[in-house]
Amino acid sequence: MKLFVGLGNPGAKYAGNRHNIGFMAVDQIAASHGFSPWKNKFNGLMAEGRLGRERVILLKPTTFMNLSGQSVSAAMQYFKLTPEDVTVFHDELDLVPGKVRLKFAGGHAGHNGLRSMHQHIGDAYHRVRIGIGHPGHKDRVAGYVLHDFAKSDAEWIEDLMHGIDRGIVNLADGDGPNFLNAIARRVIPNRPAKTRIPPIKKPEKPEEQPDTRSAFQKLKDRFS
């Protein structure tokens, strides 16, 4: 059994925030793969289903971001899971929008949701780091992540969600590279190879024949 956790803040006010892209990811998974309806449990919203051969629990903590670890810890205790059974989907400032990277263990880089996870279950869990870009200065981070995505972001977000949808069975099966490949193929579509057009050859000039006429003949031909 695996526990897939989306990080975000509950309520309509935050639904479109950059900080909530983890919620968006697990919502996509639930809708596309026939998971059970969401129900209130473990101070969060939980849905159950299967991804390939694996039974998977989806969880969206409703404790707000900085207390997410409480909900995850409660679910882990109930299902008797270890941190290695947990995968967290979260926003990542240090990646360009739409870029996704996988990580196991390590620091939380100041992310409040991950900080709470560390406090309650340690750091030995899996992460799906979903790039949202950086506002350019640390003083602007709070307002940036708690602000809705721009309308211009809609296209890559849609592509990203479909990529996650296509590759999620691979992730559940432990195949991270093919999960990332599925996203890359959707977010950065394959472009047809450019056909190399050979340069146009200039027509060769006919080889000039040596002029064997005498000076007198040349003069005669000139005035004839």
C-alpha atoms as a PDB file:
ATOM      1  CA  MET A   1       0.000   0.000   0.000  1.00  0.00           C
ATOM      2  CA  LYS A   2       1.129   3.541  -0.800  1.00  0.00           C
ATOM      3  CA  LEU A   3       0.056   6.879   0.645  1.00  0.00           C
ATOM      4  CA  PHE A   4       0.068   9.759  -1.866  1.00  0.00           C
ATOM      5  CA  VAL A   5      -0.251  13.130  -0.153  1.00  0.00           C
ATOM      6  CA  GLY A   6      -1.071  16.425  -1.849  1.00  0.00           C
ATOM      7  CA  LEU A   7      -0.073  19.557   0.038  1.00  0.00           C
ATOM      8  CA  GLY A   8      -2.157  22.712   0.008  1.00  0.00           C
ATOM      9  CA  ASN A   9      -4.532  24.850   2.028  1.00  0.00           C
ATOM     10  CA  PRO A  10      -8.237  23.965   2.369  1.00  0.00           C
ATOM     11  CA  GLY A  11     -11.136  26.070   1.136  1.00  0.00           C
ATOM     12  CA  ALA A  12     -12.251  27.835  -2.023  1.00  0.00           C
ATOM     13  CA  LYS A  13     -10.176  30.906  -1.132  1.00  0.00           C
ATOM     14  CA  TYR A  14      -6.938  28.973  -1.710  1.00  0.00           C
ATOM     15  CA  ALA A  15      -8.049  26.517  -4.408  1.00  0.00           C
ATOM     16  CA  GLY A  16      -6.268  28.275  -7.287  1.00  0.00           C
ATOM     17  CA  ASN A  17      -3.123  29.252  -5.353  1.00  0.00           C
ATOM     18  CA  ARG A  18       0.337  28.209  -6.509  1.00  0.00           C
ATOM     19  CA  HIS A  19       0.799  26.655  -3.053  1.00  0.00           C
ATOM     20  CA  ASN A  20      -2.081  24.275  -3.822  1.00  0.00           C
ATOM     21  CA  ILE A  21      -0.655  22.509  -6.847  1.00  0.00           C
ATOM     22  CA  GLY A  22      -0.180  19.393  -4.694  1.00  0.00           C
ATOM     23  CA  PHE A  23      -3.942  19.301  -4.077  1.00  0.00           C
ATOM     24  CA  MET A  24      -4.509  19.732  -7.819  1.00  0.00           C
ATOM     25  CA  ALA A  25      -2.284  16.748  -8.581  1.00  0.00           C
ATOM     26  CA  VAL A  26      -4.052  14.295  -6.284  1.00  0.00           C
ATOM     27  CA  ASP A  27      -7.457  15.595  -7.417  1.00  0.00           C
ATOM     28  CA  GLN A  28      -6.435  14.737 -10.989  1.00  0.00           C
ATOM     29  CA  ILE A  29      -5.330  11.253  -9.951  1.00  0.00           C
ATOM     30  CA  ALA A  30      -8.574  10.583  -8.079  1.00  0.00           C
ATOM     31  CA  ALA A  31     -10.785  11.790 -10.937  1.00  0.00           C
ATOM     32  CA  SER A  32      -8.941   9.892 -13.684  1.00  0.00           C
ATOM     33  CA  HIS A  33      -8.371   6.543 -12.003  1.00  0.00           C
ATOM     34  CA  GLY A  34     -11.723   5.722 -10.446  1.00  0.00           C
ATOM     35  CA  PHE A  35     -10.917   6.424  -6.803  1.00  0.00           C
ATOM     36  CA  SER A  36     -13.623   6.451  -4.152  1.00  0.00           C
ATOM     37  CA  PRO A  37     -15.345   9.732  -3.278  1.00  0.00           C
ATOM     38  CA  TRP A  38     -13.393  11.965  -0.908  1.00  0.00           C
ATOM     39  CA  LYS A  39     -14.328  11.560   2.743  1.00  0.00           C
ATOM     40  CA  ASN A  40     -13.275  13.330   5.918  1.00  0.00           C
ATOM     41  CA  LYS A  41     -10.665  11.353   7.820  1.00  0.00           C
ATOM     42  CA  PHE A  42      -7.330  11.943   9.580  1.00  0.00           C
ATOM     43  CA  ASN A  43      -7.895  15.734   9.653  1.00  0.00           C
ATOM     44  CA  GLY A  44      -7.990  15.629   5.896  1.00  0.00           C
ATOM     45  CA  LEU A  45      -9.822  14.380   2.854  1.00  0.00           C
ATOM     46  CA  MET A  46      -9.086  10.782   1.875  1.00  0.00           C
ATOM     47  CA  ALA A  47      -9.863   8.675  -1.207  1.00  0.00           C
ATOM     48  CA  GLU A  48      -8.983   5.036  -1.921  1.00  0.00           C
ATOM     49  CA  GLY A  49      -8.251   3.209  -5.147  1.00  0.00           C
ATOM     50  CA  ARG A  50      -5.741   1.247  -7.175  1.00  0.00           C
ATOM     51  CA  LEU A  51      -2.968   2.285  -9.502  1.00  0.00           C
ATOM     52  CA  GLY A  52      -1.902  -0.767 -11.450  1.00  0.00           C
ATOM     53  CA  ARG A  53      -1.118  -3.509  -8.943  1.00  0.00           C
ATOM     54  CA  GLU A  54      -0.833  -1.118  -6.007  1.00  0.00           C
ATOM     55  CA  ARG A  55      -3.504  -0.103  -3.525  1.00  0.00           C
ATOM     56  CA  VAL A  56      -3.165   3.641  -2.973  1.00  0.00           C
ATOM     57  CA  ILE A  57      -4.574   6.058  -0.420  1.00  0.00           C
ATOM     58  CA  LEU A  58      -4.837   9.696  -1.506  1.00  0.00           C
ATOM     59  CA  LEU A  59      -4.773  12.325   1.232  1.00  0.00           C
ATOM     60  CA  LYS A  60      -5.288  16.085   1.267  1.00  0.00           C
ATOM     61  CA  PRO A  61      -4.611  17.434   4.787  1.00  0.00           C
ATOM     62  CA  THR A  62      -7.158  20.070   5.826  1.00  0.00           C
ATOM     63  CA  THR A  63      -5.062  21.328   8.734  1.00  0.00           C
ATOM     64  CA  PHE A  64      -3.523  24.100   6.601  1.00  0.00           C
ATOM     65  CA  MET A  65      -0.058  23.786   5.141  1.00  0.00           C
ATOM     66  CA  ASN A  66       2.056  24.300   8.249  1.00  0.00           C
ATOM     67  CA  LEU A  67       0.323  21.456  10.122  1.00  0.00           C
ATOM     68  CA  SER A  68       0.162  18.922   7.266  1.00  0.00           C
ATOM     69  CA  GLY A  69       2.337  16.385   9.100  1.00  0.00           C
ATOM     70  CA  GLN A  70      -0.357  15.790  11.730  1.00  0.00           C
ATOM     71  CA  SER A  71      -2.784  14.437   9.145  1.00  0.00           C
ATOM     72  CA  VAL A  72      -0.148  12.333   7.394  1.00  0.00           C
ATOM     73  CA  SER A  73       1.093  10.842  10.662  1.00  0.00           C
ATOM     74  CA  ALA A  74      -2.451   9.847  11.669  1.00  0.00           C
ATOM     75  CA  ALA A  75      -3.066   8.118   8.321  1.00  0.00           C
ATOM     76  CA  MET A  76       0.278   6.295   8.513  1.00  0.00           C
ATOM     77  CA  GLN A  77      -0.493   4.969  11.986  1.00  0.00           C
ATOM     78  CA  TYR A  78      -3.941   3.763  10.940  1.00  0.00           C
ATOM     79  CA  PHE A  79      -2.686   1.907   7.848  1.00  0.00           C
ATOM     80  CA  LYS A  80       0.580   0.819   9.519  1.00  0.00           C
ATOM     81  CA  LEU A  81       2.763   2.501   6.906  1.00  0.00           C
ATOM     82  CA  THR A  82       6.383   3.619   7.064  1.00  0.00           C
ATOM     83  CA  PRO A  83       7.737   6.957   5.770  1.00  0.00           C
ATOM     84  CA  GLU A  84       9.077   5.132   2.694  1.00  0.00           C
ATOM     85  CA  ASP A  85       5.470   4.267   1.749  1.00  0.00           C
ATOM     86  CA  VAL A  86       4.639   7.983   1.562  1.00  0.00           C
ATOM     87  CA  THR A  87       4.936  10.229  -1.514  1.00  0.00           C
ATOM     88  CA  VAL A  88       4.241  13.942  -1.138  1.00  0.00           C
ATOM     89  CA  PHE A  89       3.220  16.173  -4.073  1.00  0.00           C
ATOM     90  CA  HIS A  90       4.183  19.783  -3.407  1.00  0.00           C
ATOM     91  CA  ASP A  91       5.012  23.116  -5.026  1.00  0.00           C
ATOM     92  CA  GLU A  92       8.698  23.866  -5.652  1.00  0.00           C
ATOM     93  CA  LEU A  93      10.016  27.420  -6.000  1.00  0.00           C
ATOM     94  CA  ASP A  94      13.422  26.312  -7.252  1.00  0.00           C
ATOM     95  CA  LEU A  95      12.052  24.691 -10.421  1.00  0.00           C
ATOM     96  CA  VAL A  96      10.679  26.512 -13.449  1.00  0.00           C
ATOM     97  CA  PRO A  97       6.898  26.259 -13.931  1.00  0.00           C
ATOM     98  CA  GLY A  98       5.881  22.805 -15.140  1.00  0.00           C
ATOM     99  CA  LYS A  99       9.213  21.146 -14.362  1.00  0.00           C
ATOM    100  CA  VAL A 100       8.929  18.077 -12.119  1.00  0.00           C
ATOM    101  CA  ARG A 101      11.640  16.318 -10.144  1.00  0.00           C
ATOM    102  CA  LEU A 102      11.617  13.391  -7.724  1.00  0.00           C
ATOM    103  CA  LYS A 103      13.456  13.379  -4.419  1.00  0.00           C
ATOM    104  CA  PHE A 104      13.846  10.989  -1.518  1.00  0.00           C
ATOM    105  CA  ALA A 105      14.722  12.253   1.977  1.00  0.00           C
ATOM    106  CA  GLY A 106      16.791  15.380   2.591  1.00  0.00           C
ATOM    107  CA  GLY A 107      15.899  18.859   3.815  1.00  0.00           C
ATOM    108  CA  HIS A 108      12.670  20.825   3.513  1.00  0.00           C
ATOM    109  CA  ALA A 109      14.218  24.020   2.022  1.00  0.00           C
ATOM    110  CA  GLY A 110      11.917  26.208   4.120  1.00  0.00           C
ATOM    111  CA  HIS A 111       8.678  24.739   2.745  1.00  0.00           C
ATOM    112  CA  ASN A 112       6.180  24.890   5.637  1.00  0.00           C
ATOM    113  CA  GLY A 113       4.332  21.746   4.605  1.00  0.00           C
ATOM    114  CA  LEU A 114       7.527  19.719   4.361  1.00  0.00           C
ATOM    115  CA  ARG A 115       8.791  21.197   7.628  1.00  0.00           C
ATOM    116  CA  SER A 116       5.670  19.850   9.329  1.00  0.00           C
ATOM    117  CA  MET A 117       6.184  16.471   7.640  1.00  0.00           C
ATOM    118  CA  HIS A 118       9.741  16.340   8.994  1.00  0.00           C
ATOM    119  CA  GLN A 119       8.502  17.120  12.500  1.00  0.00           C
ATOM    120  CA  HIS A 120       5.935  14.319  12.500  1.00  0.00           C
ATOM    121  CA  ILE A 121       7.381  11.494  10.368  1.00  0.00           C
ATOM    122  CA  GLY A 122      11.038  12.388   9.719  1.00  0.00           C
ATOM    123  CA  ASP A 123      12.570  13.066   6.319  1.00  0.00           C
ATOM    124  CA  ALA A 124      12.719   9.557   4.782  1.00  0.00           C
ATOM    125  CA  TYR A 125       9.740   9.951   2.457  1.00  0.00           C
ATOM    126  CA  HIS A 126       9.388  10.499  -1.288  1.00  0.00           C
ATOM    127  CA  ARG A 127       8.603  13.867  -2.853  1.00  0.00           C
ATOM    128  CA  VAL A 128       7.236  14.931  -6.230  1.00  0.00           C
ATOM    129  CA  ARG A 129       8.566  18.477  -6.588  1.00  0.00           C
ATOM    130  CA  ILE A 130       6.342  20.455  -8.945  1.00  0.00           C
ATOM    131  CA  GLY A 131       7.915  23.644 -10.253  1.00  0.00           C
ATOM    132  CA  ILE A 132       6.007  26.911  -9.909  1.00  0.00           C
ATOM    133  CA  GLY A 133       8.930  29.273 -10.479  1.00  0.00           C
ATOM    134  CA  HIS A 134      10.345  31.918  -8.130  1.00  0.00           C
ATOM    135  CA  PRO A 135       9.165  35.532  -7.765  1.00  0.00           C
ATOM    136  CA  GLY A 136      12.774  36.718  -7.812  1.00  0.00           C
ATOM    137  CA  HIS A 137      13.233  37.845  -4.214  1.00  0.00           C
ATOM    138  CA  LYS A 138      12.665  36.004  -0.932  1.00  0.00           C
ATOM    139  CA  ASP A 139      10.538  38.866   0.456  1.00  0.00           C
ATOM    140  CA  ARG A 140       7.969  38.226  -2.280  1.00  0.00           C
ATOM    141  CA  VAL A 141       7.676  34.463  -1.753  1.00  0.00           C
ATOM    142  CA  ALA A 142       4.743  34.435   0.700  1.00  0.00           C
ATOM    143  CA  GLY A 143       2.546  36.596  -1.508  1.00  0.00           C
ATOM    144  CA  TYR A 144       3.602  34.688  -4.603  1.00  0.00           C
ATOM    145  CA  VAL A 145       2.719  31.178  -3.375  1.00  0.00           C
ATOM    146  CA  LEU A 146      -0.553  32.358  -1.807  1.00  0.00           C
ATOM    147  CA  HIS A 147      -1.674  33.996  -5.031  1.00  0.00           C
ATOM    148  CA  ASP A 148      -3.627  32.295  -7.821  1.00  0.00           C
ATOM    149  CA  PHE A 149      -1.876  31.120 -10.940  1.00  0.00           C
ATOM    150  CA  ALA A 150      -2.046  33.588 -13.819  1.00  0.00           C
ATOM    151  CA  LYS A 151      -4.446  32.904 -16.679  1.00  0.00           C
ATOM    152  CA  SER A 152      -1.430  32.399 -18.922  1.00  0.00           C
ATOM    153  CA  ASP A 153      -0.414  29.416 -16.760  1.00  0.00           C
ATOM    154  CA  ALA A 154      -3.578  27.456 -17.556  1.00  0.00           C
ATOM    155  CA  GLU A 155      -2.165  25.638 -20.593  1.00  0.00           C
ATOM    156  CA  TRP A 156       0.965  24.234 -18.962  1.00  0.00           C
ATOM    157  CA  ILE A 157      -0.952  23.325 -15.801  1.00  0.00           C
ATOM    158  CA  GLU A 158      -3.447  21.335 -17.873  1.00  0.00           C
ATOM    159  CA  ASP A 159      -0.615  19.591 -19.722  1.00  0.00           C
ATOM    160  CA  LEU A 160       1.160  18.881 -16.440  1.00  0.00           C
ATOM    161  CA  MET A 161      -1.933  17.325 -14.872  1.00  0.00           C
ATOM    162  CA  HIS A 162      -2.478  15.089 -17.895  1.00  0.00           C
ATOM    163  CA  GLY A 163       1.192  14.080 -17.746  1.00  0.00           C
ATOM    164  CA  ILE A 164       0.880  13.157 -14.064  1.00  0.00           C
ATOM    165  CA  ASP A 165      -2.286  11.239 -14.917  1.00  0.00           C
ATOM    166  CA  ARG A 166      -0.520   9.251 -17.652  1.00  0.00           C
ATOM    167  CA  GLY A 167       2.540   8.388 -15.598  1.00  0.00           C
ATOM    168  CA  ILE A 168       1.099   7.873 -12.140  1.00  0.00           C
ATOM    169  CA  VAL A 169       0.815   4.093 -12.443  1.00  0.00           C
ATOM    170  CA  ASN A 170       4.559   4.027 -13.124  1.00  0.00           C
ATOM    171  CA  LEU A 171       5.207   6.071 -10.000  1.00  0.00           C
ATOM    172  CA  ALA A 172       3.049   3.766  -7.871  1.00  0.00           C
ATOM    173  CA  ASP A 173       5.046   0.841  -9.258  1.00  0.00           C
ATOM    174  CA  GLY A 174       8.333   2.488  -8.265  1.00  0.00           C
ATOM    175  CA  ASP A 175       9.284   3.481 -11.824  1.00  0.00           C
ATOM    176  CA  GLY A 176      10.198   7.131 -11.357  1.00  0.00           C
ATOM    177  CA  PRO A 177      11.963   7.652 -14.728  1.00  0.00           C
ATOM    178  CA  ASN A 178       8.918   6.623 -16.779  1.00  0.00           C
ATOM    179  CA  PHE A 179       6.689   8.785 -14.585  1.00  0.00           C
ATOM    180  CA  LEU A 180       8.882  11.793 -15.399  1.00  0.00           C
ATOM    181  CA  ASN A 181       9.018  10.822 -19.078  1.00  0.00           C
ATOM    182  CA  ALA A 182       5.225  10.801 -19.260  1.00  0.00           C
ATOM    183  CA  ILE A 183       5.148  14.347 -17.892  1.00  0.00           C
ATOM    184  CA  ALA A 184       7.939  15.575 -20.169  1.00  0.00           C
ATOM    185  CA  ARG A 185       6.204  14.214 -23.255  1.00  0.00           C
ATOM    186  CA  ARG A 186       3.061  16.141 -22.334  1.00  0.00           C
ATOM    187  CA  VAL A 187       4.518  19.391 -21.008  1.00  0.00           C
ATOM    188  CA  ILE A 188       7.266  19.599 -23.649  1.00  0.00           C
ATOM    189  CA  PRO A 189       5.747  17.958 -26.747  1.00  0.00           C
ATOM    190  CA  ASN A 190       8.047  16.132 -29.100  1.00  0.00           C
ATOM    191  CA  ARG A 191       8.769  18.251 -32.132  1.00  0.00           C
ATOM    192  CA  PRO A 192       9.297  16.644 -35.539  1.00  0.00           C
ATOM    193  CA  ALA A 193      12.904  16.569 -36.568  1.00  0.00           C
ATOM    194  CA  LYS A 194      13.831  19.380 -38.895  1.00  0.00           C
ATOM    195  CA  THR A 195      14.405  18.256 -42.457  1.00  0.00           C
ATOM    196  CA  ARG A 196      17.748  19.442 -43.715  1.00  0.00           C
ATOM    197  CA  ILE A 197      17.356  21.084 -47.092  1.00  0.00           C
ATOM    198  CA  PRO A 198      20.526  20.729 -49.163  1.00  0.00           C
ATOM    199  CA  PRO A 199      21.944  24.001 -50.505  1.00  0.00           C
ATOM    200  CA  ILE A 200      21.071  24.876 -54.091  1.00  0.00           C
ATOM    201  CA  LYS A 201      24.026  24.307 -56.319  1.00  0.00           C
ATOM    202  CA  LYS A 202      24.855  27.077 -58.692  1.00  0.00           C
ATOM    203  CA  PRO A 203      25.167  25.943 -62.305  1.00  0.00           C
ATOM    204  CA  GLU A 204      28.725  25.408 -63.249  1.00  0.00           C
ATOM    205  CA  LYS A 205      30.151  27.840 -65.740  1.00  0.00           C
ATOM    206  CA  PRO A 206      31.249  26.210 -68.975  1.00  0.00           C
ATOM    207  CA  GLU A 207      34.958  25.851 -69.127  1.00  0.00           C
ATOM    208  CA  GLU A 208      36.446  28.644 -71.208  1.00  0.00           C
ATOM    209  CA  GLN A 209      38.408  27.532 -74.264  1.00  0.00           C
ATOM    210  CA  PRO A 210      41.706  29.260 -74.986  1.00  0.00           C
ATOM    211  CA  ASP A 211      41.480  31.920 -77.769  1.00  0.00           C
ATOM    212  CA  THR A 212      43.872  30.763 -80.517  1.00  0.00           C
ATOM    213  CA  ARG A 213      43.090  33.553 -83.000  1.00  0.00           C
ATOM    214  CA  SER A 214      45.839  35.818 -84.200  1.00  0.00           C
ATOM    215  CA  ALA A 215      45.824  39.510 -83.344  1.00  0.00           C
ATOM    216  CA  PHE A 216      44.838  40.335 -86.916  1.00  0.00           C
ATOM    217  CA  GLN A 217      41.944  37.831 -86.825  1.00  0.00           C
ATOM    218  CA  LYS A 218      40.692  39.250 -83.521  1.00  0.00           C
ATOM    219  CA  LEU A 219      40.722  42.764 -85.005  1.00  0.00           C
ATOM    220  CA  LYS A 220      38.962  41.564 -88.125  1.00  0.00           C
ATOM    221  CA  ASP A 221      36.278  39.732 -86.153  1.00  0.00           C
ATOM    222  CA  ARG A 222      35.678  42.799 -84.021  1.00  0.00           C
ATOM    223  CA  PHE A 223      34.804  45.032 -86.968  1.00  0.00           C
ATOM    224  CA  SER A 224      33.143  42.447 -89.167  1.00  0.00           C
END
